[in-house]
Every structure is written in C-alpha cells, then in structure tokens.
Amino acid sequence: MRPLFLSPAEREYLEVLQYYSLQSVELGRAFIDDVEHALDLIELYPQIGAPFDGDKRRLLLRRFTYSLIYQERAEGVVVAAVRHNRQDPDSWRRVR
C-alpha cells in the first residue's frame, strides 16, 4: 500500500515543491521524482529508513537535502514530515 502523507507533511512537501518549481520546472520535477523514489522504497521495504524518534523512521532523499519521516501503522505507512536535513530534528513535532 502506498504511503500516505499526514496533512502537515503534505503542506511541507508542497511548500518545498513550490520553492524548487519557482527555480525551474526541471528542478521541481526532479524533486517530485526524488520523493516518488523514496515512497517506492518505503512501500517495498518499510524498514529501510533509519530508526528515528521512537517508532518513526527517517529516509534521506537521494538528490535533495531532505528526508521523509514516516511511521508504520496498522492502516499502512504514513509520512509524518518532510524535513530539510539541516533543520532542527525536533522541529517536526511543533507543527502538529
């Protein structure tokens, strides 16, 4: 089952996508491709991400300096945050 974005994570994703898309259409497309690749990996191998903050995991994107923070739940995998790798690691909790 395809990982789903929680609302705050979806907003974060769209903000980053908008930023890159304003730089260039190609850069926006590359960001989408990078996130899609990460989601494919998470869907196939939910344990692929490094353990992060208890029961969550963190998967680094290949090209961009962002990570997906996600959690396995009974109903499937959910993405809790899209975070820049230099951002305060605890900041994702404050947007909930």
PDB file of N, CA and C in Angstrom:
ATOM      1  N   MET A   1       0.848  -1.190   0.000  1.00  0.00           N
ATOM      2  CA  MET A   1       0.000   0.000   0.000  1.00  0.00           C
ATOM      3  C   MET A   1       0.890   1.249   0.000  1.00  0.00           C
ATOM      4  N   ARG A   2       0.546   2.189  -0.840  1.00  0.00           N
ATOM      5  CA  ARG A   2       1.326   3.425  -0.986  1.00  0.00           C
ATOM      6  C   ARG A   2       1.302   4.232   0.301  1.00  0.00           C
ATOM      7  N   PRO A   3       2.472   4.731   0.762  1.00  0.00           N
ATOM      8  CA  PRO A   3       2.489   5.594   1.954  1.00  0.00           C
ATOM      9  C   PRO A   3       1.634   6.844   1.731  1.00  0.00           C
ATOM     10  N   LEU A   4       0.938   7.255   2.763  1.00  0.00           N
ATOM     11  CA  LEU A   4       0.100   8.446   2.719  1.00  0.00           C
ATOM     12  C   LEU A   4       0.749   9.563   3.525  1.00  0.00           C
ATOM     13  N   PHE A   5       0.532  10.801   3.104  1.00  0.00           N
ATOM     14  CA  PHE A   5       1.055  11.957   3.821  1.00  0.00           C
ATOM     15  C   PHE A   5       0.029  12.444   4.839  1.00  0.00           C
ATOM     16  N   LEU A   6       0.471  12.676   6.079  1.00  0.00           N
ATOM     17  CA  LEU A   6      -0.369  13.396   7.025  1.00  0.00           C
ATOM     18  C   LEU A   6      -0.464  14.845   6.529  1.00  0.00           C
ATOM     19  N   SER A   7      -1.496  15.551   6.912  1.00  0.00           N
ATOM     20  CA  SER A   7      -1.714  16.921   6.409  1.00  0.00           C
ATOM     21  C   SER A   7      -0.508  17.841   6.582  1.00  0.00           C
ATOM     22  N   PRO A   8       0.120  17.890   7.777  1.00  0.00           N
ATOM     23  CA  PRO A   8       1.293  18.774   7.901  1.00  0.00           C
ATOM     24  C   PRO A   8       2.431  18.379   6.962  1.00  0.00           C
ATOM     25  N   ALA A   9       2.654  17.091   6.775  1.00  0.00           N
ATOM     26  CA  ALA A   9       3.714  16.626   5.877  1.00  0.00           C
ATOM     27  C   ALA A   9       3.379  16.978   4.427  1.00  0.00           C
ATOM     28  N   GLU A  10       2.126  16.878   4.063  1.00  0.00           N
ATOM     29  CA  GLU A  10       1.715  17.242   2.703  1.00  0.00           C
ATOM     30  C   GLU A  10       1.951  18.730   2.461  1.00  0.00           C
ATOM     31  N   ARG A  11       1.634  19.563   3.451  1.00  0.00           N
ATOM     32  CA  ARG A  11       1.892  21.007   3.317  1.00  0.00           C
ATOM     33  C   ARG A  11       3.390  21.267   3.152  1.00  0.00           C
ATOM     34  N   GLU A  12       4.209  20.580   3.956  1.00  0.00           N
ATOM     35  CA  GLU A  12       5.654  20.759   3.858  1.00  0.00           C
ATOM     36  C   GLU A  12       6.145  20.364   2.467  1.00  0.00           C
ATOM     37  N   TYR A  13       5.679  19.228   1.990  1.00  0.00           N
ATOM     38  CA  TYR A  13       6.064  18.737   0.665  1.00  0.00           C
ATOM     39  C   TYR A  13       5.695  19.764  -0.411  1.00  0.00           C
ATOM     40  N   LEU A  14       4.479  20.275  -0.364  1.00  0.00           N
ATOM     41  CA  LEU A  14       4.021  21.234  -1.376  1.00  0.00           C
ATOM     42  C   LEU A  14       4.792  22.546  -1.300  1.00  0.00           C
ATOM     43  N   GLU A  15       5.169  22.976  -0.098  1.00  0.00           N
ATOM     44  CA  GLU A  15       5.971  24.196   0.043  1.00  0.00           C
ATOM     45  C   GLU A  15       7.343  24.030  -0.588  1.00  0.00           C
ATOM     46  N   VAL A  16       7.983  22.895  -0.326  1.00  0.00           N
ATOM     47  CA  VAL A  16       9.302  22.642  -0.909  1.00  0.00           C
ATOM     48  C   VAL A  16       9.187  22.504  -2.424  1.00  0.00           C
ATOM     49  N   LEU A  17       8.176  21.791  -2.875  1.00  0.00           N
ATOM     50  CA  LEU A  17       7.953  21.637  -4.314  1.00  0.00           C
ATOM     51  C   LEU A  17       7.752  22.995  -4.983  1.00  0.00           C
ATOM     52  N   GLN A  18       6.978  23.845  -4.368  1.00  0.00           N
ATOM     53  CA  GLN A  18       6.754  25.177  -4.933  1.00  0.00           C
ATOM     54  C   GLN A  18       8.070  25.957  -5.017  1.00  0.00           C
ATOM     55  N   TYR A  19       8.868  25.876  -3.964  1.00  0.00           N
ATOM     56  CA  TYR A  19      10.156  26.571  -3.960  1.00  0.00           C
ATOM     57  C   TYR A  19      11.016  26.115  -5.142  1.00  0.00           C
ATOM     58  N   TYR A  20      11.177  24.806  -5.297  1.00  0.00           N
ATOM     59  CA  TYR A  20      12.013  24.289  -6.377  1.00  0.00           C
ATOM     60  C   TYR A  20      11.402  24.557  -7.747  1.00  0.00           C
ATOM     61  N   SER A  21      10.096  24.478  -7.852  1.00  0.00           N
ATOM     62  CA  SER A  21       9.430  24.733  -9.135  1.00  0.00           C
ATOM     63  C   SER A  21       9.596  26.179  -9.579  1.00  0.00           C
ATOM     64  N   LEU A  22       9.665  27.100  -8.618  1.00  0.00           N
ATOM     65  CA  LEU A  22       9.902  28.503  -8.960  1.00  0.00           C
ATOM     66  C   LEU A  22      11.330  28.719  -9.456  1.00  0.00           C
ATOM     67  N   GLN A  23      12.250  27.860  -9.010  1.00  0.00           N
ATOM     68  CA  GLN A  23      13.628  27.940  -9.507  1.00  0.00           C
ATOM     69  C   GLN A  23      13.679  27.491 -10.958  1.00  0.00           C
ATOM     70  N   SER A  24      13.037  26.344 -11.221  1.00  0.00           N
ATOM     71  CA  SER A  24      12.909  25.852 -12.595  1.00  0.00           C
ATOM     72  C   SER A  24      11.943  24.672 -12.602  1.00  0.00           C
ATOM     73  N   VAL A  25      11.277  24.506 -13.729  1.00  0.00           N
ATOM     74  CA  VAL A  25      10.343  23.388 -13.885  1.00  0.00           C
ATOM     75  C   VAL A  25      11.089  22.065 -13.714  1.00  0.00           C
ATOM     76  N   GLU A  26      12.298  21.981 -14.284  1.00  0.00           N
ATOM     77  CA  GLU A  26      13.082  20.749 -14.199  1.00  0.00           C
ATOM     78  C   GLU A  26      13.446  20.409 -12.758  1.00  0.00           C
ATOM     79  N   LEU A  27      13.786  21.426 -11.975  1.00  0.00           N
ATOM     80  CA  LEU A  27      14.138  21.197 -10.577  1.00  0.00           C
ATOM     81  C   LEU A  27      12.923  20.723  -9.787  1.00  0.00           C
ATOM     82  N   GLY A  28      11.760  21.295 -10.060  1.00  0.00           N
ATOM     83  CA  GLY A  28      10.526  20.839  -9.410  1.00  0.00           C
ATOM     84  C   GLY A  28      10.225  19.396  -9.761  1.00  0.00           C
ATOM     85  N   ARG A  29      10.374  19.054 -11.023  1.00  0.00           N
ATOM     86  CA  ARG A  29      10.145  17.672 -11.470  1.00  0.00           C
ATOM     87  C   ARG A  29      11.147  16.724 -10.818  1.00  0.00           C
ATOM     88  N   ALA A  30      12.398  17.150 -10.690  1.00  0.00           N
ATOM     89  CA  ALA A  30      13.425  16.310 -10.064  1.00  0.00           C
ATOM     90  C   ALA A  30      13.089  16.061  -8.588  1.00  0.00           C
ATOM     91  N   PHE A  31      12.550  17.081  -7.918  1.00  0.00           N
ATOM     92  CA  PHE A  31      12.162  16.893  -6.522  1.00  0.00           C
ATOM     93  C   PHE A  31      11.021  15.882  -6.419  1.00  0.00           C
ATOM     94  N   ILE A  32      10.026  16.014  -7.282  1.00  0.00           N
ATOM     95  CA  ILE A  32       8.919  15.040  -7.296  1.00  0.00           C
ATOM     96  C   ILE A  32       9.465  13.634  -7.514  1.00  0.00           C
ATOM     97  N   ASP A  33      10.356  13.489  -8.491  1.00  0.00           N
ATOM     98  CA  ASP A  33      10.922  12.170  -8.791  1.00  0.00           C
ATOM     99  C   ASP A  33      11.677  11.601  -7.595  1.00  0.00           C
ATOM    100  N   ASP A  34      12.416  12.459  -6.896  1.00  0.00           N
ATOM    101  CA  ASP A  34      13.178  12.007  -5.736  1.00  0.00           C
ATOM    102  C   ASP A  34      12.248  11.524  -4.621  1.00  0.00           C
ATOM    103  N   VAL A  35      11.188  12.281  -4.367  1.00  0.00           N
ATOM    104  CA  VAL A  35      10.217  11.888  -3.338  1.00  0.00           C
ATOM    105  C   VAL A  35       9.501  10.606  -3.758  1.00  0.00           C
ATOM    106  N   GLU A  36       9.112  10.503  -5.020  1.00  0.00           N
ATOM    107  CA  GLU A  36       8.433   9.297  -5.507  1.00  0.00           C
ATOM    108  C   GLU A  36       9.325   8.064  -5.364  1.00  0.00           C
ATOM    109  N   HIS A  37      10.599   8.234  -5.658  1.00  0.00           N
ATOM    110  CA  HIS A  37      11.535   7.120  -5.500  1.00  0.00           C
ATOM    111  C   HIS A  37      11.587   6.681  -4.031  1.00  0.00           C
ATOM    112  N   ALA A  38      11.675   7.641  -3.119  1.00  0.00           N
ATOM    113  CA  ALA A  38      11.700   7.322  -1.689  1.00  0.00           C
ATOM    114  C   ALA A  38      10.409   6.621  -1.263  1.00  0.00           C
ATOM    115  N   LEU A  39       9.269   7.088  -1.762  1.00  0.00           N
ATOM    116  CA  LEU A  39       7.990   6.454  -1.421  1.00  0.00           C
ATOM    117  C   LEU A  39       7.928   5.024  -1.961  1.00  0.00           C
ATOM    118  N   ASP A  40       8.479   4.806  -3.160  1.00  0.00           N
ATOM    119  CA  ASP A  40       8.532   3.451  -3.717  1.00  0.00           C
ATOM    120  C   ASP A  40       9.336   2.528  -2.800  1.00  0.00           C
ATOM    121  N   LEU A  41      10.491   3.011  -2.348  1.00  0.00           N
ATOM    122  CA  LEU A  41      11.327   2.207  -1.451  1.00  0.00           C
ATOM    123  C   LEU A  41      10.615   1.904  -0.136  1.00  0.00           C
ATOM    124  N   ILE A  42       9.979   2.916   0.425  1.00  0.00           N
ATOM    125  CA  ILE A  42       9.262   2.725   1.692  1.00  0.00           C
ATOM    126  C   ILE A  42       8.123   1.729   1.515  1.00  0.00           C
ATOM    127  N   GLU A  43       7.432   1.820   0.388  1.00  0.00           N
ATOM    128  CA  GLU A  43       6.329   0.892   0.123  1.00  0.00           C
ATOM    129  C   GLU A  43       6.836  -0.550   0.045  1.00  0.00           C
ATOM    130  N   LEU A  44       7.955  -0.758  -0.630  1.00  0.00           N
ATOM    131  CA  LEU A  44       8.508  -2.098  -0.781  1.00  0.00           C
ATOM    132  C   LEU A  44       9.227  -2.598   0.471  1.00  0.00           C
ATOM    133  N   TYR A  45       9.938  -1.689   1.131  1.00  0.00           N
ATOM    134  CA  TYR A  45      10.770  -2.052   2.285  1.00  0.00           C
ATOM    135  C   TYR A  45      10.528  -1.060   3.426  1.00  0.00           C
ATOM    136  N   PRO A  46       9.438  -1.210   4.158  1.00  0.00           N
ATOM    137  CA  PRO A  46       9.099  -0.227   5.191  1.00  0.00           C
ATOM    138  C   PRO A  46      10.181  -0.026   6.256  1.00  0.00           C
ATOM    139  N   GLN A  47      11.041  -0.994   6.444  1.00  0.00           N
ATOM    140  CA  GLN A  47      12.098  -0.874   7.454  1.00  0.00           C
ATOM    141  C   GLN A  47      13.368  -0.215   6.922  1.00  0.00           C
ATOM    142  N   ILE A  48      13.334   0.293   5.679  1.00  0.00           N
ATOM    143  CA  ILE A  48      14.544   0.825   5.039  1.00  0.00           C
ATOM    144  C   ILE A  48      15.096   2.070   5.738  1.00  0.00           C
ATOM    145  N   GLY A  49      14.233   2.890   6.284  1.00  0.00           N
ATOM    146  CA  GLY A  49      14.690   4.124   6.922  1.00  0.00           C
ATOM    147  C   GLY A  49      15.370   3.857   8.250  1.00  0.00           C
ATOM    148  N   ALA A  50      16.253   4.762   8.621  1.00  0.00           N
ATOM    149  CA  ALA A  50      16.938   4.659   9.911  1.00  0.00           C
ATOM    150  C   ALA A  50      15.947   4.930  11.037  1.00  0.00           C
ATOM    151  N   PRO A  51      16.046   4.195  12.152  1.00  0.00           N
ATOM    152  CA  PRO A  51      15.175   4.487  13.295  1.00  0.00           C
ATOM    153  C   PRO A  51      15.320   5.958  13.697  1.00  0.00           C
ATOM    154  N   PHE A  52      14.182   6.555  14.039  1.00  0.00           N
ATOM    155  CA  PHE A  52      14.157   7.994  14.328  1.00  0.00           C
ATOM    156  C   PHE A  52      13.043   8.277  15.320  1.00  0.00           C
ATOM    157  N   ASP A  53      13.367   8.795  16.447  1.00  0.00           N
ATOM    158  CA  ASP A  53      12.374   9.263  17.415  1.00  0.00           C
ATOM    159  C   ASP A  53      11.333   8.192  17.746  1.00  0.00           C
ATOM    160  N   GLY A  54      11.767   7.165  18.425  1.00  0.00           N
ATOM    161  CA  GLY A  54      10.833   6.124  18.858  1.00  0.00           C
ATOM    162  C   GLY A  54      10.443   5.202  17.725  1.00  0.00           C
ATOM    163  N   ASP A  55       9.165   5.211  17.368  1.00  0.00           N
ATOM    164  CA  ASP A  55       8.653   4.272  16.363  1.00  0.00           C
ATOM    165  C   ASP A  55       8.653   4.835  14.939  1.00  0.00           C
ATOM    166  N   LYS A  56       9.306   5.949  14.737  1.00  0.00           N
ATOM    167  CA  LYS A  56       9.366   6.543  13.397  1.00  0.00           C
ATOM    168  C   LYS A  56      10.684   6.178  12.721  1.00  0.00           C
ATOM    169  N   ARG A  57      10.730   6.402  11.422  1.00  0.00           N
ATOM    170  CA  ARG A  57      11.931   6.161  10.628  1.00  0.00           C
ATOM    171  C   ARG A  57      12.196   7.373   9.754  1.00  0.00           C
ATOM    172  N   ARG A  58      13.435   7.497   9.326  1.00  0.00           N
ATOM    173  CA  ARG A  58      13.846   8.637   8.505  1.00  0.00           C
ATOM    174  C   ARG A  58      14.585   8.111   7.284  1.00  0.00           C
ATOM    175  N   LEU A  59      14.119   8.515   6.104  1.00  0.00           N
ATOM    176  CA  LEU A  59      14.763   8.124   4.860  1.00  0.00           C
ATOM    177  C   LEU A  59      15.247   9.379   4.141  1.00  0.00           C
ATOM    178  N   LEU A  60      16.543   9.435   3.874  1.00  0.00           N
ATOM    179  CA  LEU A  60      17.125  10.561   3.153  1.00  0.00           C
ATOM    180  C   LEU A  60      16.774  10.461   1.673  1.00  0.00           C
ATOM    181  N   LEU A  61      16.461  11.597   1.069  1.00  0.00           N
ATOM    182  CA  LEU A  61      16.277  11.617  -0.381  1.00  0.00           C
ATOM    183  C   LEU A  61      17.648  11.491  -1.049  1.00  0.00           C
ATOM    184  N   ARG A  62      17.672  11.030  -2.290  1.00  0.00           N
ATOM    185  CA  ARG A  62      18.938  10.811  -2.997  1.00  0.00           C
ATOM    186  C   ARG A  62      19.602  12.112  -3.428  1.00  0.00           C
ATOM    187  N   ARG A  63      18.836  12.993  -4.033  1.00  0.00           N
ATOM    188  CA  ARG A  63      19.419  14.185  -4.651  1.00  0.00           C
ATOM    189  C   ARG A  63      19.287  15.438  -3.795  1.00  0.00           C
ATOM    190  N   PHE A  64      18.195  15.553  -3.103  1.00  0.00           N
ATOM    191  CA  PHE A  64      17.896  16.770  -2.350  1.00  0.00           C
ATOM    192  C   PHE A  64      18.214  16.562  -0.870  1.00  0.00           C
ATOM    193  N   THR A  65      18.507  17.650  -0.183  1.00  0.00           N
ATOM    194  CA  THR A  65      18.889  17.573   1.230  1.00  0.00           C
ATOM    195  C   THR A  65      17.653  17.555   2.132  1.00  0.00           C
ATOM    196  N   TYR A  66      16.756  16.634   1.830  1.00  0.00           N
ATOM    197  CA  TYR A  66      15.522  16.458   2.597  1.00  0.00           C
ATOM    198  C   TYR A  66      15.368  14.997   2.981  1.00  0.00           C
ATOM    199  N   SER A  67      14.570  14.785   4.008  1.00  0.00           N
ATOM    200  CA  SER A  67      14.249  13.435   4.475  1.00  0.00           C
ATOM    201  C   SER A  67      12.750  13.299   4.631  1.00  0.00           C
ATOM    202  N   LEU A  68      12.270  12.068   4.485  1.00  0.00           N
ATOM    203  CA  LEU A  68      10.892  11.741   4.825  1.00  0.00           C
ATOM    204  C   LEU A  68      10.919  11.055   6.183  1.00  0.00           C
ATOM    205  N   ILE A  69      10.143  11.577   7.098  1.00  0.00           N
ATOM    206  CA  ILE A  69       9.983  10.950   8.407  1.00  0.00           C
ATOM    207  C   ILE A  69       8.650  10.231   8.367  1.00  0.00           C
ATOM    208  N   TYR A  70       8.676   8.940   8.617  1.00  0.00           N
ATOM    209  CA  TYR A  70       7.471   8.144   8.447  1.00  0.00           C
ATOM    210  C   TYR A  70       7.306   7.126   9.569  1.00  0.00           C
ATOM    211  N   GLN A  71       6.125   6.537   9.593  1.00  0.00           N
ATOM    212  CA  GLN A  71       5.764   5.600  10.657  1.00  0.00           C
ATOM    213  C   GLN A  71       4.890   4.502  10.074  1.00  0.00           C
ATOM    214  N   GLU A  72       5.153   3.296  10.498  1.00  0.00           N
ATOM    215  CA  GLU A  72       4.288   2.173  10.131  1.00  0.00           C
ATOM    216  C   GLU A  72       3.129   2.131  11.117  1.00  0.00           C
ATOM    217  N   ARG A  73       1.935   2.056  10.589  1.00  0.00           N
ATOM    218  CA  ARG A  73       0.724   1.954  11.401  1.00  0.00           C
ATOM    219  C   ARG A  73      -0.088   0.764  10.913  1.00  0.00           C
ATOM    220  N   ALA A  74      -1.092   0.397  11.674  1.00  0.00           N
ATOM    221  CA  ALA A  74      -1.942  -0.736  11.292  1.00  0.00           C
ATOM    222  C   ALA A  74      -2.582  -0.515   9.923  1.00  0.00           C
ATOM    223  N   GLU A  75      -2.961   0.724   9.624  1.00  0.00           N
ATOM    224  CA  GLU A  75      -3.616   1.030   8.353  1.00  0.00           C
ATOM    225  C   GLU A  75      -2.626   1.273   7.211  1.00  0.00           C
ATOM    226  N   GLY A  76      -1.335   1.222   7.494  1.00  0.00           N
ATOM    227  CA  GLY A  76      -0.313   1.415   6.474  1.00  0.00           C
ATOM    228  C   GLY A  76       0.741   2.404   6.931  1.00  0.00           C
ATOM    229  N   VAL A  77       1.630   2.739   6.032  1.00  0.00           N
ATOM    230  CA  VAL A  77       2.718   3.673   6.330  1.00  0.00           C
ATOM    231  C   VAL A  77       2.229   5.101   6.100  1.00  0.00           C
ATOM    232  N   VAL A  78       2.561   5.987   7.041  1.00  0.00           N
ATOM    233  CA  VAL A  78       2.214   7.400   6.892  1.00  0.00           C
ATOM    234  C   VAL A  78       3.485   8.241   6.989  1.00  0.00           C
ATOM    235  N   VAL A  79       3.561   9.265   6.144  1.00  0.00           N
ATOM    236  CA  VAL A  79       4.665  10.211   6.184  1.00  0.00           C
ATOM    237  C   VAL A  79       4.250  11.329   7.131  1.00  0.00           C
ATOM    238  N   ALA A  80       5.031  11.499   8.196  1.00  0.00           N
ATOM    239  CA  ALA A  80       4.700  12.478   9.219  1.00  0.00           C
ATOM    240  C   ALA A  80       5.334  13.838   8.953  1.00  0.00           C
ATOM    241  N   ALA A  81       6.458  13.847   8.205  1.00  0.00           N
ATOM    242  CA  ALA A  81       7.142  15.117   7.961  1.00  0.00           C
ATOM    243  C   ALA A  81       8.059  15.005   6.754  1.00  0.00           C
ATOM    244  N   VAL A  82       8.279  16.160   6.123  1.00  0.00           N
ATOM    245  CA  VAL A  82       9.270  16.321   5.064  1.00  0.00           C
ATOM    246  C   VAL A  82      10.205  17.393   5.592  1.00  0.00           C
ATOM    247  N   ARG A  83      11.429  17.005   5.916  1.00  0.00           N
ATOM    248  CA  ARG A  83      12.334  17.911   6.616  1.00  0.00           C
ATOM    249  C   ARG A  83      13.656  18.091   5.912  1.00  0.00           C
ATOM    250  N   HIS A  84      14.114  19.349   5.912  1.00  0.00           N
ATOM    251  CA  HIS A  84      15.461  19.631   5.430  1.00  0.00           C
ATOM    252  C   HIS A  84      16.444  18.998   6.414  1.00  0.00           C
ATOM    253  N   ASN A  85      17.507  18.418   5.914  1.00  0.00           N
ATOM    254  CA  ASN A  85      18.431  17.677   6.762  1.00  0.00           C
ATOM    255  C   ASN A  85      19.207  18.548   7.741  1.00  0.00           C
ATOM    256  N   ARG A  86      19.241  19.832   7.519  1.00  0.00           N
ATOM    257  CA  ARG A  86      19.919  20.734   8.456  1.00  0.00           C
ATOM    258  C   ARG A  86      18.954  21.406   9.426  1.00  0.00           C
ATOM    259  N   GLN A  87      17.692  21.107   9.295  1.00  0.00           N
ATOM    260  CA  GLN A  87      16.670  21.673  10.168  1.00  0.00           C
ATOM    261  C   GLN A  87      16.734  20.987  11.525  1.00  0.00           C
ATOM    262  N   ASP A  88      16.333  21.689  12.553  1.00  0.00           N
ATOM    263  CA  ASP A  88      16.269  21.120  13.897  1.00  0.00           C
ATOM    264  C   ASP A  88      15.499  19.809  13.836  1.00  0.00           C
ATOM    265  N   PRO A  89      16.115  18.685  14.251  1.00  0.00           N
ATOM    266  CA  PRO A  89      15.443  17.395  14.118  1.00  0.00           C
ATOM    267  C   PRO A  89      14.136  17.287  14.905  1.00  0.00           C
ATOM    268  N   ASP A  90      13.967  18.099  15.940  1.00  0.00           N
ATOM    269  CA  ASP A  90      12.732  18.046  16.721  1.00  0.00           C
ATOM    270  C   ASP A  90      11.656  19.004  16.212  1.00  0.00           C
ATOM    271  N   SER A  91      11.969  19.816  15.213  1.00  0.00           N
ATOM    272  CA  SER A  91      11.018  20.826  14.758  1.00  0.00           C
ATOM    273  C   SER A  91       9.754  20.221  14.168  1.00  0.00           C
ATOM    274  N   TRP A  92       9.828  19.011  13.635  1.00  0.00           N
ATOM    275  CA  TRP A  92       8.640  18.393  13.018  1.00  0.00           C
ATOM    276  C   TRP A  92       7.541  18.190  14.037  1.00  0.00           C
ATOM    277  N   ARG A  93       7.886  18.033  15.304  1.00  0.00           N
ATOM    278  CA  ARG A  93       6.860  17.833  16.349  1.00  0.00           C
ATOM    279  C   ARG A  93       6.058  19.096  16.599  1.00  0.00           C
ATOM    280  N   ARG A  94       6.654  20.246  16.390  1.00  0.00           N
ATOM    281  CA  ARG A  94       5.985  21.503  16.715  1.00  0.00           C
ATOM    282  C   ARG A  94       4.916  21.907  15.714  1.00  0.00           C
ATOM    283  N   VAL A  95       4.865  21.279  14.541  1.00  0.00           N
ATOM    284  CA  VAL A  95       3.860  21.660  13.535  1.00  0.00           C
ATOM    285  C   VAL A  95       2.609  20.806  13.663  1.00  0.00           C
ATOM    286  N   ARG A  96       2.568  19.867  14.540  1.00  0.00           N
ATOM    287  CA  ARG A  96       1.395  19.005  14.710  1.00  0.00           C
ATOM    288  C   ARG A  96       0.278  19.738  15.388  1.00  0.00           C
TER     289      ARG A  96
END
